[in-house]
Structures are given as structure tokens and as C-alpha cells.
């Protein structure tokens, strides 16, 4: 079913009967995993060994500007460059 041409005004009016029958995701067993994710917020936590750690590092201004010039995600790109330099990622 192609719904790509529908807009926000195409949604049906909520009737009192619809409101009486409405349930939250917390009340629908088939959505338990989604409900838990919503309750906790965000993604599931990674195992401790895989979590990133916050560190303080001094970098030259031109290095920072080089990575920032490419836009958002500059810290992730620095991490990737360090992984490559350390030999963790082939290429």
C-alpha cells in the first residue's frame, strides 16, 4: 500500500470510541521490547568492554580544525584515524 502521498490532514478524526479503546505501548504484550526501550530511553547499553571512554587529549589546533571542517562527527573521525594508525583497522 503506497501512503507516500498522504499528509497530516489525511489522518482520521479521533472519535470518543477510538479514545476509549486506545492503549499505550506498555499495555500491548507484542510491543514489550519497544516499550522497554522507550521506558529506558535511547539504545540498549553496550557491554562494558565495548563502551567508549571519555578522555582528555591535547591536539594541535590545525588537527582539530581539519576534522571539524568535514562537519559533524569529527570526534568519531579522529577515533577512526587513531584506530587506523594503531593498526586496529585494516586499509
PDB file of N, CA and C in Angstrom:
ATOM      1  N   UNK A   1       0.845  -1.171   0.000  1.00  0.00           N
ATOM      2  CA  UNK A   1       0.000   0.000   0.000  1.00  0.00           C
ATOM      3  C   UNK A   1       0.892   1.236   0.000  1.00  0.00           C
ATOM      4  N   UNK A   2       0.709   2.110  -0.953  1.00  0.00           N
ATOM      5  CA  UNK A   2       1.503   3.330  -1.076  1.00  0.00           C
ATOM      6  C   UNK A   2       0.818   4.472  -0.329  1.00  0.00           C
ATOM      7  N   UNK A   3       1.452   4.929   0.734  1.00  0.00           N
ATOM      8  CA  UNK A   3       0.895   6.027   1.535  1.00  0.00           C
ATOM      9  C   UNK A   3       1.717   7.299   1.395  1.00  0.00           C
ATOM     10  N   UNK A   4       2.622   7.322   0.415  1.00  0.00           N
ATOM     11  CA  UNK A   4       3.559   8.437   0.295  1.00  0.00           C
ATOM     12  C   UNK A   4       2.884   9.772  -0.020  1.00  0.00           C
ATOM     13  N   UNK A   5       1.677   9.733  -0.586  1.00  0.00           N
ATOM     14  CA  UNK A   5       1.006  10.998  -0.918  1.00  0.00           C
ATOM     15  C   UNK A   5       0.098  11.506   0.194  1.00  0.00           C
ATOM     16  N   UNK A   6       0.072  10.818   1.335  1.00  0.00           N
ATOM     17  CA  UNK A   6      -0.755  11.258   2.453  1.00  0.00           C
ATOM     18  C   UNK A   6      -0.058  12.363   3.235  1.00  0.00           C
ATOM     19  N   UNK A   7      -0.828  13.296   3.723  1.00  0.00           N
ATOM     20  CA  UNK A   7      -0.298  14.378   4.543  1.00  0.00           C
ATOM     21  C   UNK A   7      -0.918  14.335   5.926  1.00  0.00           C
ATOM     22  N   UNK A   8      -0.500  15.231   6.819  1.00  0.00           N
ATOM     23  CA  UNK A   8      -1.015  15.223   8.188  1.00  0.00           C
ATOM     24  C   UNK A   8      -2.522  15.475   8.255  1.00  0.00           C
ATOM     25  N   UNK A   9      -3.082  16.155   7.285  1.00  0.00           N
ATOM     26  CA  UNK A   9      -4.522  16.423   7.299  1.00  0.00           C
ATOM     27  C   UNK A   9      -5.344  15.215   6.868  1.00  0.00           C
ATOM     28  N   UNK A  10      -4.686  14.153   6.385  1.00  0.00           N
ATOM     29  CA  UNK A  10      -5.399  12.961   5.943  1.00  0.00           C
ATOM     30  C   UNK A  10      -5.690  11.985   7.082  1.00  0.00           C
ATOM     31  N   UNK A  11      -5.166  12.250   8.262  1.00  0.00           N
ATOM     32  CA  UNK A  11      -5.416  11.370   9.402  1.00  0.00           C
ATOM     33  C   UNK A  11      -6.882  11.502   9.820  1.00  0.00           C
ATOM     34  N   UNK A  12      -7.508  10.385  10.224  1.00  0.00           N
ATOM     35  CA  UNK A  12      -8.913  10.467  10.629  1.00  0.00           C
ATOM     36  C   UNK A  12      -9.063  11.202  11.958  1.00  0.00           C
ATOM     37  N   UNK A  13     -10.214  11.790  12.154  1.00  0.00           N
ATOM     38  CA  UNK A  13     -10.534  12.413  13.450  1.00  0.00           C
ATOM     39  C   UNK A  13     -10.641  11.311  14.488  1.00  0.00           C
ATOM     40  N   UNK A  14     -10.104  11.551  15.669  1.00  0.00           N
ATOM     41  CA  UNK A  14     -10.248  10.576  16.752  1.00  0.00           C
ATOM     42  C   UNK A  14     -11.648  10.695  17.335  1.00  0.00           C
ATOM     43  N   UNK A  15     -12.313   9.569  17.406  1.00  0.00           N
ATOM     44  CA  UNK A  15     -13.663   9.550  17.969  1.00  0.00           C
ATOM     45  C   UNK A  15     -13.584   9.175  19.439  1.00  0.00           C
ATOM     46  N   UNK A  16     -14.637   9.438  20.206  1.00  0.00           N
ATOM     47  CA  UNK A  16     -14.646   9.006  21.612  1.00  0.00           C
ATOM     48  C   UNK A  16     -14.440   7.490  21.749  1.00  0.00           C
ATOM     49  N   UNK A  17     -14.988   6.723  20.812  1.00  0.00           N
ATOM     50  CA  UNK A  17     -14.814   5.268  20.864  1.00  0.00           C
ATOM     51  C   UNK A  17     -13.340   4.895  20.658  1.00  0.00           C
ATOM     52  N   UNK A  18     -12.690   5.557  19.711  1.00  0.00           N
ATOM     53  CA  UNK A  18     -11.261   5.294  19.485  1.00  0.00           C
ATOM     54  C   UNK A  18     -10.467   5.610  20.747  1.00  0.00           C
ATOM     55  N   UNK A  19     -10.777   6.704  21.391  1.00  0.00           N
ATOM     56  CA  UNK A  19     -10.057   7.092  22.606  1.00  0.00           C
ATOM     57  C   UNK A  19     -10.286   6.079  23.731  1.00  0.00           C
ATOM     58  N   UNK A  20     -11.516   5.572  23.846  1.00  0.00           N
ATOM     59  CA  UNK A  20     -11.811   4.564  24.892  1.00  0.00           C
ATOM     60  C   UNK A  20     -11.025   3.287  24.652  1.00  0.00           C
ATOM     61  N   UNK A  21     -10.822   2.934  23.394  1.00  0.00           N
ATOM     62  CA  UNK A  21     -10.122   1.692  23.053  1.00  0.00           C
ATOM     63  C   UNK A  21      -8.617   1.853  22.930  1.00  0.00           C
ATOM     64  N   UNK A  22      -8.132   3.066  23.016  1.00  0.00           N
ATOM     65  CA  UNK A  22      -6.700   3.313  22.854  1.00  0.00           C
ATOM     66  C   UNK A  22      -5.908   2.670  23.986  1.00  0.00           C
ATOM     67  N   UNK A  23      -4.738   2.132  23.638  1.00  0.00           N
ATOM     68  CA  UNK A  23      -3.827   1.557  24.630  1.00  0.00           C
ATOM     69  C   UNK A  23      -2.436   2.119  24.386  1.00  0.00           C
ATOM     70  N   UNK A  24      -1.651   2.193  25.421  1.00  0.00           N
ATOM     71  CA  UNK A  24      -0.258   2.617  25.268  1.00  0.00           C
ATOM     72  C   UNK A  24       0.583   1.404  24.884  1.00  0.00           C
ATOM     73  N   UNK A  25       1.793   1.645  24.414  1.00  0.00           N
ATOM     74  CA  UNK A  25       2.660   0.517  24.055  1.00  0.00           C
ATOM     75  C   UNK A  25       2.994  -0.345  25.271  1.00  0.00           C
ATOM     76  N   UNK A  26       2.858   0.207  26.467  1.00  0.00           N
ATOM     77  CA  UNK A  26       3.147  -0.549  27.684  1.00  0.00           C
ATOM     78  C   UNK A  26       2.066  -1.579  27.976  1.00  0.00           C
ATOM     79  N   UNK A  27       0.907  -1.448  27.336  1.00  0.00           N
ATOM     80  CA  UNK A  27      -0.211  -2.359  27.547  1.00  0.00           C
ATOM     81  C   UNK A  27      -0.335  -3.420  26.462  1.00  0.00           C
ATOM     82  N   UNK A  28       0.561  -3.411  25.481  1.00  0.00           N
ATOM     83  CA  UNK A  28       0.479  -4.346  24.356  1.00  0.00           C
ATOM     84  C   UNK A  28       1.656  -5.321  24.458  1.00  0.00           C
ATOM     85  N   UNK A  29       1.378  -6.589  24.823  1.00  0.00           N
ATOM     86  CA  UNK A  29       2.472  -7.559  25.035  1.00  0.00           C
ATOM     87  C   UNK A  29       3.418  -7.690  23.841  1.00  0.00           C
ATOM     88  N   UNK A  30       2.893  -7.607  22.615  1.00  0.00           N
ATOM     89  CA  UNK A  30       3.744  -7.766  21.438  1.00  0.00           C
ATOM     90  C   UNK A  30       4.765  -6.639  21.303  1.00  0.00           C
ATOM     91  N   UNK A  31       4.553  -5.542  22.007  1.00  0.00           N
ATOM     92  CA  UNK A  31       5.462  -4.394  21.923  1.00  0.00           C
ATOM     93  C   UNK A  31       6.310  -4.239  23.184  1.00  0.00           C
ATOM     94  N   UNK A  32       6.469  -5.306  23.938  1.00  0.00           N
ATOM     95  CA  UNK A  32       7.207  -5.237  25.209  1.00  0.00           C
ATOM     96  C   UNK A  32       8.636  -4.745  25.025  1.00  0.00           C
ATOM     97  N   UNK A  33       9.325  -5.243  23.984  1.00  0.00           N
ATOM     98  CA  UNK A  33      10.713  -4.809  23.750  1.00  0.00           C
ATOM     99  C   UNK A  33      10.775  -3.318  23.433  1.00  0.00           C
ATOM    100  N   UNK A  34       9.873  -2.855  22.579  1.00  0.00           N
ATOM    101  CA  UNK A  34       9.824  -1.433  22.242  1.00  0.00           C
ATOM    102  C   UNK A  34       9.464  -0.603  23.471  1.00  0.00           C
ATOM    103  N   UNK A  35       8.514  -1.094  24.261  1.00  0.00           N
ATOM    104  CA  UNK A  35       8.107  -0.372  25.473  1.00  0.00           C
ATOM    105  C   UNK A  35       9.277  -0.224  26.438  1.00  0.00           C
ATOM    106  N   UNK A  36      10.076  -1.268  26.575  1.00  0.00           N
ATOM    107  CA  UNK A  36      11.237  -1.209  27.468  1.00  0.00           C
ATOM    108  C   UNK A  36      12.258  -0.201  26.959  1.00  0.00           C
ATOM    109  N   UNK A  37      12.472  -0.164  25.644  1.00  0.00           N
ATOM    110  CA  UNK A  37      13.392   0.795  25.048  1.00  0.00           C
ATOM    111  C   UNK A  37      12.905   2.222  25.281  1.00  0.00           C
ATOM    112  N   UNK A  38      11.617   2.447  25.118  1.00  0.00           N
ATOM    113  CA  UNK A  38      11.043   3.778  25.347  1.00  0.00           C
ATOM    114  C   UNK A  38      11.163   4.155  26.825  1.00  0.00           C
ATOM    115  N   UNK A  39      10.883   3.199  27.699  1.00  0.00           N
ATOM    116  CA  UNK A  39      10.948   3.472  29.140  1.00  0.00           C
ATOM    117  C   UNK A  39      12.353   3.882  29.555  1.00  0.00           C
ATOM    118  N   UNK A  40      13.347   3.162  29.056  1.00  0.00           N
ATOM    119  CA  UNK A  40      14.730   3.461  29.412  1.00  0.00           C
ATOM    120  C   UNK A  40      15.256   4.660  28.644  1.00  0.00           C
ATOM    121  N   UNK A  41      14.814   4.815  27.420  1.00  0.00           N
ATOM    122  CA  UNK A  41      15.316   5.893  26.571  1.00  0.00           C
ATOM    123  C   UNK A  41      16.610   5.483  25.894  1.00  0.00           C
ATOM    124  N   UNK A  42      16.716   5.775  24.627  1.00  0.00           N
ATOM    125  CA  UNK A  42      17.947   5.514  23.892  1.00  0.00           C
ATOM    126  C   UNK A  42      18.168   4.061  23.546  1.00  0.00           C
ATOM    127  N   UNK A  43      19.387   3.771  23.141  1.00  0.00           N
ATOM    128  CA  UNK A  43      19.761   2.421  22.742  1.00  0.00           C
ATOM    129  C   UNK A  43      20.093   1.576  23.964  1.00  0.00           C
ATOM    130  N   UNK A  44      20.036   0.263  23.802  1.00  0.00           N
ATOM    131  CA  UNK A  44      20.499  -0.599  24.904  1.00  0.00           C
ATOM    132  C   UNK A  44      21.985  -0.367  25.163  1.00  0.00           C
ATOM    133  N   UNK A  45      22.392  -0.473  26.411  1.00  0.00           N
ATOM    134  CA  UNK A  45      23.793  -0.249  26.769  1.00  0.00           C
ATOM    135  C   UNK A  45      24.685  -1.340  26.176  1.00  0.00           C
ATOM    136  N   UNK A  46      25.867  -0.938  25.743  1.00  0.00           N
ATOM    137  CA  UNK A  46      26.864  -1.889  25.258  1.00  0.00           C
ATOM    138  C   UNK A  46      27.514  -2.574  26.449  1.00  0.00           C
ATOM    139  N   UNK A  47      28.078  -3.770  26.236  1.00  0.00           N
ATOM    140  CA  UNK A  47      28.854  -4.385  27.310  1.00  0.00           C
ATOM    141  C   UNK A  47      30.017  -3.460  27.694  1.00  0.00           C
ATOM    142  N   UNK A  48      30.426  -3.492  28.928  1.00  0.00           N
ATOM    143  CA  UNK A  48      31.471  -2.601  29.449  1.00  0.00           C
ATOM    144  C   UNK A  48      32.717  -2.609  28.570  1.00  0.00           C
ATOM    145  N   UNK A  49      33.129  -3.779  28.083  1.00  0.00           N
ATOM    146  CA  UNK A  49      34.354  -3.880  27.276  1.00  0.00           C
ATOM    147  C   UNK A  49      34.252  -3.151  25.949  1.00  0.00           C
ATOM    148  N   UNK A  50      33.017  -2.911  25.461  1.00  0.00           N
ATOM    149  CA  UNK A  50      32.825  -2.258  24.168  1.00  0.00           C
ATOM    150  C   UNK A  50      32.475  -0.778  24.282  1.00  0.00           C
ATOM    151  N   UNK A  51      32.265  -0.284  25.491  1.00  0.00           N
ATOM    152  CA  UNK A  51      31.869   1.119  25.664  1.00  0.00           C
ATOM    153  C   UNK A  51      33.049   2.052  25.444  1.00  0.00           C
ATOM    154  N   UNK A  52      32.768   3.189  24.863  1.00  0.00           N
ATOM    155  CA  UNK A  52      33.815   4.204  24.715  1.00  0.00           C
ATOM    156  C   UNK A  52      34.062   4.857  26.071  1.00  0.00           C
ATOM    157  N   UNK A  53      35.246   5.388  26.222  1.00  0.00           N
ATOM    158  CA  UNK A  53      35.624   6.047  27.478  1.00  0.00           C
ATOM    159  C   UNK A  53      35.984   7.490  27.210  1.00  0.00           C
ATOM    160  N   UNK A  54      35.586   8.349  28.117  1.00  0.00           N
ATOM    161  CA  UNK A  54      35.897   9.773  27.992  1.00  0.00           C
ATOM    162  C   UNK A  54      37.329  10.003  28.466  1.00  0.00           C
ATOM    163  N   UNK A  55      38.105  10.682  27.619  1.00  0.00           N
ATOM    164  CA  UNK A  55      39.481  11.043  27.954  1.00  0.00           C
ATOM    165  C   UNK A  55      39.710  12.504  27.592  1.00  0.00           C
ATOM    166  N   UNK A  56      40.749  13.050  28.144  1.00  0.00           N
ATOM    167  CA  UNK A  56      41.165  14.394  27.766  1.00  0.00           C
ATOM    168  C   UNK A  56      42.464  14.247  26.995  1.00  0.00           C
ATOM    169  N   UNK A  57      42.524  14.887  25.839  1.00  0.00           N
ATOM    170  CA  UNK A  57      43.708  14.790  24.999  1.00  0.00           C
ATOM    171  C   UNK A  57      43.977  16.175  24.411  1.00  0.00           C
ATOM    172  N   UNK A  58      45.231  16.535  24.344  1.00  0.00           N
ATOM    173  CA  UNK A  58      45.627  17.809  23.746  1.00  0.00           C
ATOM    174  C   UNK A  58      46.003  17.556  22.291  1.00  0.00           C
ATOM    175  N   UNK A  59      45.350  18.271  21.382  1.00  0.00           N
ATOM    176  CA  UNK A  59      45.640  18.153  19.958  1.00  0.00           C
ATOM    177  C   UNK A  59      45.983  19.527  19.399  1.00  0.00           C
ATOM    178  N   UNK A  60      46.785  19.541  18.365  1.00  0.00           N
ATOM    179  CA  UNK A  60      47.124  20.807  17.713  1.00  0.00           C
ATOM    180  C   UNK A  60      45.867  21.413  17.083  1.00  0.00           C
ATOM    181  N   UNK A  61      45.772  22.747  17.128  1.00  0.00           N
ATOM    182  CA  UNK A  61      44.588  23.415  16.573  1.00  0.00           C
ATOM    183  C   UNK A  61      44.318  23.058  15.112  1.00  0.00           C
ATOM    184  N   UNK A  62      45.377  22.923  14.303  1.00  0.00           N
ATOM    185  CA  UNK A  62      45.144  22.614  12.897  1.00  0.00           C
ATOM    186  C   UNK A  62      44.582  21.206  12.696  1.00  0.00           C
ATOM    187  N   UNK A  63      44.932  20.279  13.586  1.00  0.00           N
ATOM    188  CA  UNK A  63      44.380  18.921  13.510  1.00  0.00           C
ATOM    189  C   UNK A  63      42.881  18.966  13.819  1.00  0.00           C
ATOM    190  N   UNK A  64      42.534  19.685  14.870  1.00  0.00           N
ATOM    191  CA  UNK A  64      41.118  19.812  15.245  1.00  0.00           C
ATOM    192  C   UNK A  64      40.332  20.464  14.117  1.00  0.00           C
ATOM    193  N   UNK A  65      40.844  21.543  13.573  1.00  0.00           N
ATOM    194  CA  UNK A  65      40.137  22.260  12.501  1.00  0.00           C
ATOM    195  C   UNK A  65      39.995  21.393  11.253  1.00  0.00           C
ATOM    196  N   UNK A  66      41.005  20.580  10.962  1.00  0.00           N
ATOM    197  CA  UNK A  66      40.930  19.678   9.804  1.00  0.00           C
ATOM    198  C   UNK A  66      39.725  18.747   9.938  1.00  0.00           C
ATOM    199  N   UNK A  67      39.579  18.119  11.101  1.00  0.00           N
ATOM    200  CA  UNK A  67      38.473  17.179  11.297  1.00  0.00           C
ATOM    201  C   UNK A  67      37.131  17.910  11.423  1.00  0.00           C
ATOM    202  N   UNK A  68      37.115  19.062  12.074  1.00  0.00           N
ATOM    203  CA  UNK A  68      35.872  19.827  12.205  1.00  0.00           C
ATOM    204  C   UNK A  68      35.388  20.361  10.862  1.00  0.00           C
ATOM    205  N   UNK A  69      36.306  20.631   9.947  1.00  0.00           N
ATOM    206  CA  UNK A  69      35.951  21.183   8.641  1.00  0.00           C
ATOM    207  C   UNK A  69      35.074  20.218   7.841  1.00  0.00           C
ATOM    208  N   UNK A  70      35.144  18.939   8.167  1.00  0.00           N
ATOM    209  CA  UNK A  70      34.340  17.933   7.463  1.00  0.00           C
ATOM    210  C   UNK A  70      32.931  17.830   8.033  1.00  0.00           C
ATOM    211  N   UNK A  71      32.627  18.602   9.082  1.00  0.00           N
ATOM    212  CA  UNK A  71      31.277  18.616   9.643  1.00  0.00           C
ATOM    213  C   UNK A  71      31.128  17.751  10.881  1.00  0.00           C
ATOM    214  N   UNK A  72      29.852  17.494  11.206  1.00  0.00           N
ATOM    215  CA  UNK A  72      29.538  16.707  12.402  1.00  0.00           C
ATOM    216  C   UNK A  72      30.226  15.352  12.349  1.00  0.00           C
ATOM    217  N   UNK A  73      30.508  14.818  13.522  1.00  0.00           N
ATOM    218  CA  UNK A  73      31.163  13.520  13.610  1.00  0.00           C
ATOM    219  C   UNK A  73      32.669  13.599  13.630  1.00  0.00           C
ATOM    220  N   UNK A  74      33.196  14.798  13.872  1.00  0.00           N
ATOM    221  CA  UNK A  74      34.652  14.955  13.811  1.00  0.00           C
ATOM    222  C   UNK A  74      35.371  14.122  14.864  1.00  0.00           C
ATOM    223  N   UNK A  75      34.779  13.959  16.048  1.00  0.00           N
ATOM    224  CA  UNK A  75      35.440  13.155  17.077  1.00  0.00           C
ATOM    225  C   UNK A  75      35.468  11.679  16.681  1.00  0.00           C
ATOM    226  N   UNK A  76      34.396  11.217  16.041  1.00  0.00           N
ATOM    227  CA  UNK A  76      34.351   9.837  15.554  1.00  0.00           C
ATOM    228  C   UNK A  76      35.409   9.626  14.480  1.00  0.00           C
ATOM    229  N   UNK A  77      35.591  10.622  13.612  1.00  0.00           N
ATOM    230  CA  UNK A  77      36.617  10.502  12.576  1.00  0.00           C
ATOM    231  C   UNK A  77      38.024  10.497  13.178  1.00  0.00           C
ATOM    232  N   UNK A  78      38.241  11.280  14.223  1.00  0.00           N
ATOM    233  CA  UNK A  78      39.552  11.244  14.901  1.00  0.00           C
ATOM    234  C   UNK A  78      39.768   9.850  15.491  1.00  0.00           C
ATOM    235  N   UNK A  79      38.734   9.284  16.112  1.00  0.00           N
ATOM    236  CA  UNK A  79      38.848   7.943  16.676  1.00  0.00           C
ATOM    237  C   UNK A  79      39.205   6.941  15.582  1.00  0.00           C
ATOM    238  N   UNK A  80      38.550   7.048  14.408  1.00  0.00           N
ATOM    239  CA  UNK A  80      38.833   6.133  13.299  1.00  0.00           C
ATOM    240  C   UNK A  80      40.271   6.294  12.812  1.00  0.00           C
ATOM    241  N   UNK A  81      40.752   7.537  12.739  1.00  0.00           N
ATOM    242  CA  UNK A  81      42.128   7.779  12.302  1.00  0.00           C
ATOM    243  C   UNK A  81      43.122   7.196  13.307  1.00  0.00           C
ATOM    244  N   UNK A  82      42.836   7.316  14.580  1.00  0.00           N
ATOM    245  CA  UNK A  82      43.710   6.743  15.603  1.00  0.00           C
ATOM    246  C   UNK A  82      43.702   5.217  15.550  1.00  0.00           C
ATOM    247  N   UNK A  83      42.520   4.628  15.340  1.00  0.00           N
ATOM    248  CA  UNK A  83      42.433   3.168  15.205  1.00  0.00           C
ATOM    249  C   UNK A  83      43.258   2.681  14.017  1.00  0.00           C
ATOM    250  N   UNK A  84      43.169   3.398  12.906  1.00  0.00           N
ATOM    251  CA  UNK A  84      43.937   3.037  11.704  1.00  0.00           C
ATOM    252  C   UNK A  84      45.430   3.156  11.974  1.00  0.00           C
ATOM    253  N   UNK A  85      45.842   4.268  12.604  1.00  0.00           N
ATOM    254  CA  UNK A  85      47.259   4.481  12.907  1.00  0.00           C
ATOM    255  C   UNK A  85      47.798   3.424  13.866  1.00  0.00           C
ATOM    256  N   UNK A  86      46.934   2.939  14.773  1.00  0.00           N
ATOM    257  CA  UNK A  86      47.362   1.923  15.748  1.00  0.00           C
ATOM    258  C   UNK A  86      47.331   0.515  15.142  1.00  0.00           C
ATOM    259  N   UNK A  87      46.816   0.392  13.909  1.00  0.00           N
ATOM    260  CA  UNK A  87      46.780  -0.910  13.263  1.00  0.00           C
ATOM    261  C   UNK A  87      45.573  -1.759  13.625  1.00  0.00           C
ATOM    262  N   UNK A  88      44.554  -1.160  14.238  1.00  0.00           N
ATOM    263  CA  UNK A  88      43.359  -1.915  14.600  1.00  0.00           C
ATOM    264  C   UNK A  88      42.426  -2.141  13.423  1.00  0.00           C
ATOM    265  N   UNK A  89      42.413  -1.207  12.490  1.00  0.00           N
ATOM    266  CA  UNK A  89      41.537  -1.295  11.322  1.00  0.00           C
ATOM    267  C   UNK A  89      42.383  -1.395  10.064  1.00  0.00           C
ATOM    268  N   UNK A  90      42.199  -2.482   9.309  1.00  0.00           N
ATOM    269  CA  UNK A  90      42.977  -2.617   8.069  1.00  0.00           C
ATOM    270  C   UNK A  90      42.511  -1.641   7.000  1.00  0.00           C
ATOM    271  N   UNK A  91      43.404  -1.249   6.152  1.00  0.00           N
ATOM    272  CA  UNK A  91      43.161  -0.455   4.937  1.00  0.00           C
ATOM    273  C   UNK A  91      44.217   0.573   4.719  1.00  0.00           C
TER     274      UNK A  91
END
